[in-house]
Amino acid sequence: MSTLLTRVKKRLFRRKPAPKKVIFIGIDYLCFSLAKTLLDSNKRAEQPVEITAFIDDEPWNNRTQVHGATVFSPSEIASLVIKHDVALIIQIQGESISIADNIWEGIFKTKAKLLTLETHQEINTMQALVYQALL
């Protein structure tokens, strides 16, 4: 009986790892849906995710909120990655956001990984790829 109690205690009081911070490039439907799926899964996920920011190049979206995260312009990505210790930048292929080469160079100088997903993938597949990239 005591071993069962010990296992239950370990399971109940197990510390979850700190959330890994991610940035989404884009705020279209797929980005929105994937972000929602990741946030909804945080309670049962081995590795919780915190959405630090969304990136969009439309000026009217700048500084708005999506799923509790602020929308920033592409020029701010590298500084956001450094400031918030972002682990992963997620983009979905076909997103029409224009990011200049010098901004990409700044991103590649950080330790953040870049994950490019494809539009034909299912949300569950995208979610699994995000968790895999965060390992």
C-alpha atoms as a PDB file:
ATOM      1  CA  MET A   1       0.000   0.000   0.000  1.00  0.00           C
ATOM      2  CA  SER A   2       2.839   2.393   0.786  1.00  0.00           C
ATOM      3  CA  THR A   3       4.388   1.977  -2.685  1.00  0.00           C
ATOM      4  CA  LEU A   4       1.079   2.879  -4.285  1.00  0.00           C
ATOM      5  CA  LEU A   5       0.849   5.934  -2.060  1.00  0.00           C
ATOM      6  CA  THR A   6       4.415   6.898  -2.947  1.00  0.00           C
ATOM      7  CA  ARG A   7       3.694   6.632  -6.678  1.00  0.00           C
ATOM      8  CA  VAL A   8       0.536   8.722  -6.317  1.00  0.00           C
ATOM      9  CA  LYS A   9       2.442  11.374  -4.359  1.00  0.00           C
ATOM     10  CA  LYS A  10       5.189  11.475  -6.986  1.00  0.00           C
ATOM     11  CA  ARG A  11       2.647  11.869  -9.749  1.00  0.00           C
ATOM     12  CA  LEU A  12       0.718  14.577  -7.907  1.00  0.00           C
ATOM     13  CA  PHE A  13       3.713  16.573  -6.800  1.00  0.00           C
ATOM     14  CA  ARG A  14       5.853  16.124  -9.882  1.00  0.00           C
ATOM     15  CA  ARG A  15       7.179  19.462 -11.034  1.00  0.00           C
ATOM     16  CA  LYS A  16       6.387  20.387 -14.576  1.00  0.00           C
ATOM     17  CA  PRO A  17       9.216  21.905 -16.559  1.00  0.00           C
ATOM     18  CA  ALA A  18       9.143  25.637 -17.140  1.00  0.00           C
ATOM     19  CA  PRO A  19       7.193  26.543 -20.272  1.00  0.00           C
ATOM     20  CA  LYS A  20       9.250  26.849 -23.450  1.00  0.00           C
ATOM     21  CA  LYS A  21       8.698  30.171 -25.140  1.00  0.00           C
ATOM     22  CA  VAL A  22       7.657  30.316 -28.780  1.00  0.00           C
ATOM     23  CA  ILE A  23       6.954  32.994 -31.359  1.00  0.00           C
ATOM     24  CA  PHE A  24       4.517  32.540 -34.229  1.00  0.00           C
ATOM     25  CA  ILE A  25       5.201  34.215 -37.560  1.00  0.00           C
ATOM     26  CA  GLY A  26       1.721  35.056 -38.766  1.00  0.00           C
ATOM     27  CA  ILE A  27      -1.739  35.390 -37.301  1.00  0.00           C
ATOM     28  CA  ASP A  28      -3.737  33.603 -39.966  1.00  0.00           C
ATOM     29  CA  TYR A  29      -6.222  30.828 -39.215  1.00  0.00           C
ATOM     30  CA  LEU A  30      -3.642  28.011 -39.038  1.00  0.00           C
ATOM     31  CA  CYS A  31      -1.341  29.941 -36.702  1.00  0.00           C
ATOM     32  CA  PHE A  32      -4.318  30.897 -34.549  1.00  0.00           C
ATOM     33  CA  SER A  33      -5.598  27.294 -34.424  1.00  0.00           C
ATOM     34  CA  LEU A  34      -2.194  25.763 -33.673  1.00  0.00           C
ATOM     35  CA  ALA A  35      -1.552  28.322 -30.932  1.00  0.00           C
ATOM     36  CA  LYS A  36      -4.935  27.548 -29.349  1.00  0.00           C
ATOM     37  CA  THR A  37      -4.257  23.797 -29.531  1.00  0.00           C
ATOM     38  CA  LEU A  38      -0.871  24.216 -27.845  1.00  0.00           C
ATOM     39  CA  LEU A  39      -2.303  26.398 -25.087  1.00  0.00           C
ATOM     40  CA  ASP A  40      -5.219  24.006 -24.501  1.00  0.00           C
ATOM     41  CA  SER A  41      -2.755  21.101 -24.186  1.00  0.00           C
ATOM     42  CA  ASN A  42      -0.502  22.791 -21.620  1.00  0.00           C
ATOM     43  CA  LYS A  43      -2.150  21.133 -18.600  1.00  0.00           C
ATOM     44  CA  ARG A  44      -1.401  17.628 -19.813  1.00  0.00           C
ATOM     45  CA  ALA A  45       1.693  18.270 -21.955  1.00  0.00           C
ATOM     46  CA  GLU A  46       5.084  17.021 -20.834  1.00  0.00           C
ATOM     47  CA  GLN A  47       6.531  20.316 -22.086  1.00  0.00           C
ATOM     48  CA  PRO A  48       4.225  23.323 -21.644  1.00  0.00           C
ATOM     49  CA  VAL A  49       4.437  26.130 -24.173  1.00  0.00           C
ATOM     50  CA  GLU A  50       4.231  29.884 -23.627  1.00  0.00           C
ATOM     51  CA  ILE A  51       3.435  32.046 -26.627  1.00  0.00           C
ATOM     52  CA  THR A  52       5.652  35.097 -26.350  1.00  0.00           C
ATOM     53  CA  ALA A  53       4.512  36.906 -29.482  1.00  0.00           C
ATOM     54  CA  PHE A  54       2.911  36.760 -32.880  1.00  0.00           C
ATOM     55  CA  ILE A  55       4.585  38.481 -35.828  1.00  0.00           C
ATOM     56  CA  ASP A  56       2.603  40.257 -38.528  1.00  0.00           C
ATOM     57  CA  ASP A  57       3.600  42.920 -41.033  1.00  0.00           C
ATOM     58  CA  GLU A  58       0.204  44.634 -41.237  1.00  0.00           C
ATOM     59  CA  PRO A  59       0.483  47.890 -39.255  1.00  0.00           C
ATOM     60  CA  TRP A  60      -3.129  47.756 -38.021  1.00  0.00           C
ATOM     61  CA  ASN A  61      -2.400  44.469 -36.197  1.00  0.00           C
ATOM     62  CA  ASN A  62       0.647  45.844 -34.370  1.00  0.00           C
ATOM     63  CA  ARG A  63       0.307  45.726 -30.558  1.00  0.00           C
ATOM     64  CA  THR A  64      -3.005  43.856 -30.629  1.00  0.00           C
ATOM     65  CA  GLN A  65      -3.499  40.715 -28.531  1.00  0.00           C
ATOM     66  CA  VAL A  66      -3.973  37.151 -29.806  1.00  0.00           C
ATOM     67  CA  HIS A  67      -4.366  34.381 -27.205  1.00  0.00           C
ATOM     68  CA  GLY A  68      -2.872  36.714 -24.604  1.00  0.00           C
ATOM     69  CA  ALA A  69       0.267  37.433 -26.647  1.00  0.00           C
ATOM     70  CA  THR A  70       1.098  40.710 -28.354  1.00  0.00           C
ATOM     71  CA  VAL A  71       1.451  41.068 -32.132  1.00  0.00           C
ATOM     72  CA  PHE A  72       4.761  42.686 -33.160  1.00  0.00           C
ATOM     73  CA  SER A  73       6.282  43.754 -36.458  1.00  0.00           C
ATOM     74  CA  PRO A  74       8.908  41.541 -38.151  1.00  0.00           C
ATOM     75  CA  SER A  75      11.714  43.973 -37.309  1.00  0.00           C
ATOM     76  CA  GLU A  76      11.310  43.100 -33.619  1.00  0.00           C
ATOM     77  CA  ILE A  77      11.771  39.307 -33.838  1.00  0.00           C
ATOM     78  CA  ALA A  78      15.473  39.050 -32.970  1.00  0.00           C
ATOM     79  CA  SER A  79      15.185  41.368 -29.976  1.00  0.00           C
ATOM     80  CA  LEU A  80      12.113  39.473 -28.726  1.00  0.00           C
ATOM     81  CA  VAL A  81      13.985  36.169 -29.001  1.00  0.00           C
ATOM     82  CA  ILE A  82      16.885  37.525 -26.977  1.00  0.00           C
ATOM     83  CA  LYS A  83      14.795  39.431 -24.420  1.00  0.00           C
ATOM     84  CA  HIS A  84      12.432  36.529 -23.666  1.00  0.00           C
ATOM     85  CA  ASP A  85      14.835  33.616 -24.251  1.00  0.00           C
ATOM     86  CA  VAL A  86      12.601  32.173 -26.969  1.00  0.00           C
ATOM     87  CA  ALA A  87      13.293  28.531 -27.816  1.00  0.00           C
ATOM     88  CA  LEU A  88      11.310  28.179 -31.043  1.00  0.00           C
ATOM     89  CA  ILE A  89      10.026  30.334 -33.885  1.00  0.00           C
ATOM     90  CA  ILE A  90       7.111  28.737 -35.713  1.00  0.00           C
ATOM     91  CA  GLN A  91       6.117  29.641 -39.238  1.00  0.00           C
ATOM     92  CA  ILE A  92       3.658  28.000 -41.586  1.00  0.00           C
ATOM     93  CA  GLN A  93       4.734  27.741 -45.197  1.00  0.00           C
ATOM     94  CA  GLY A  94       2.788  30.047 -47.469  1.00  0.00           C
ATOM     95  CA  GLU A  95       2.345  32.776 -44.870  1.00  0.00           C
ATOM     96  CA  SER A  96       2.558  36.027 -46.772  1.00  0.00           C
ATOM     97  CA  ILE A  97       4.638  37.965 -44.247  1.00  0.00           C
ATOM     98  CA  SER A  98       7.646  39.662 -45.751  1.00  0.00           C
ATOM     99  CA  ILE A  99      10.747  39.481 -43.575  1.00  0.00           C
ATOM    100  CA  ALA A 100      13.915  41.180 -44.794  1.00  0.00           C
ATOM    101  CA  ASP A 101      17.154  39.220 -45.112  1.00  0.00           C
ATOM    102  CA  ASN A 102      18.923  41.283 -42.442  1.00  0.00           C
ATOM    103  CA  ILE A 103      16.144  40.390 -39.966  1.00  0.00           C
ATOM    104  CA  TRP A 104      16.572  36.684 -40.782  1.00  0.00           C
ATOM    105  CA  GLU A 105      20.314  37.095 -40.192  1.00  0.00           C
ATOM    106  CA  GLY A 106      19.554  38.519 -36.751  1.00  0.00           C
ATOM    107  CA  ILE A 107      17.244  35.610 -35.993  1.00  0.00           C
ATOM    108  CA  PHE A 108      19.805  33.011 -37.085  1.00  0.00           C
ATOM    109  CA  LYS A 109      22.376  34.552 -34.719  1.00  0.00           C
ATOM    110  CA  THR A 110      20.163  33.672 -31.753  1.00  0.00           C
ATOM    111  CA  LYS A 111      19.856  30.214 -30.230  1.00  0.00           C
ATOM    112  CA  ALA A 112      16.181  29.881 -31.202  1.00  0.00           C
ATOM    113  CA  LYS A 113      15.215  27.100 -33.578  1.00  0.00           C
ATOM    114  CA  LEU A 114      13.060  27.800 -36.624  1.00  0.00           C
ATOM    115  CA  LEU A 115      10.262  25.335 -37.388  1.00  0.00           C
ATOM    116  CA  THR A 116       8.502  25.595 -40.747  1.00  0.00           C
ATOM    117  CA  LEU A 117       5.232  23.703 -40.959  1.00  0.00           C
ATOM    118  CA  GLU A 118       3.208  23.017 -44.076  1.00  0.00           C
ATOM    119  CA  THR A 119      -0.372  24.088 -44.687  1.00  0.00           C
ATOM    120  CA  HIS A 120      -1.560  20.598 -45.616  1.00  0.00           C
ATOM    121  CA  GLN A 121      -0.548  19.114 -42.237  1.00  0.00           C
ATOM    122  CA  GLU A 122      -3.222  18.446 -39.648  1.00  0.00           C
ATOM    123  CA  ILE A 123      -3.165  20.482 -36.437  1.00  0.00           C
ATOM    124  CA  ASN A 124      -2.317  17.380 -34.346  1.00  0.00           C
ATOM    125  CA  THR A 125       0.667  16.667 -36.601  1.00  0.00           C
ATOM    126  CA  MET A 126       1.808  20.285 -36.322  1.00  0.00           C
ATOM    127  CA  GLN A 127       1.460  20.093 -32.538  1.00  0.00           C
ATOM    128  CA  ALA A 128       3.579  16.934 -32.400  1.00  0.00           C
ATOM    129  CA  LEU A 129       6.251  18.579 -34.555  1.00  0.00           C
ATOM    130  CA  VAL A 130       6.339  21.593 -32.236  1.00  0.00           C
ATOM    131  CA  TYR A 131       6.846  19.377 -29.179  1.00  0.00           C
ATOM    132  CA  GLN A 132       9.516  17.391 -31.032  1.00  0.00           C
ATOM    133  CA  ALA A 133      11.368  20.605 -31.941  1.00  0.00           C
ATOM    134  CA  LEU A 134      11.303  21.699 -28.311  1.00  0.00           C
ATOM    135  CA  LEU A 135      13.166  18.597 -27.104  1.00  0.00           C
END
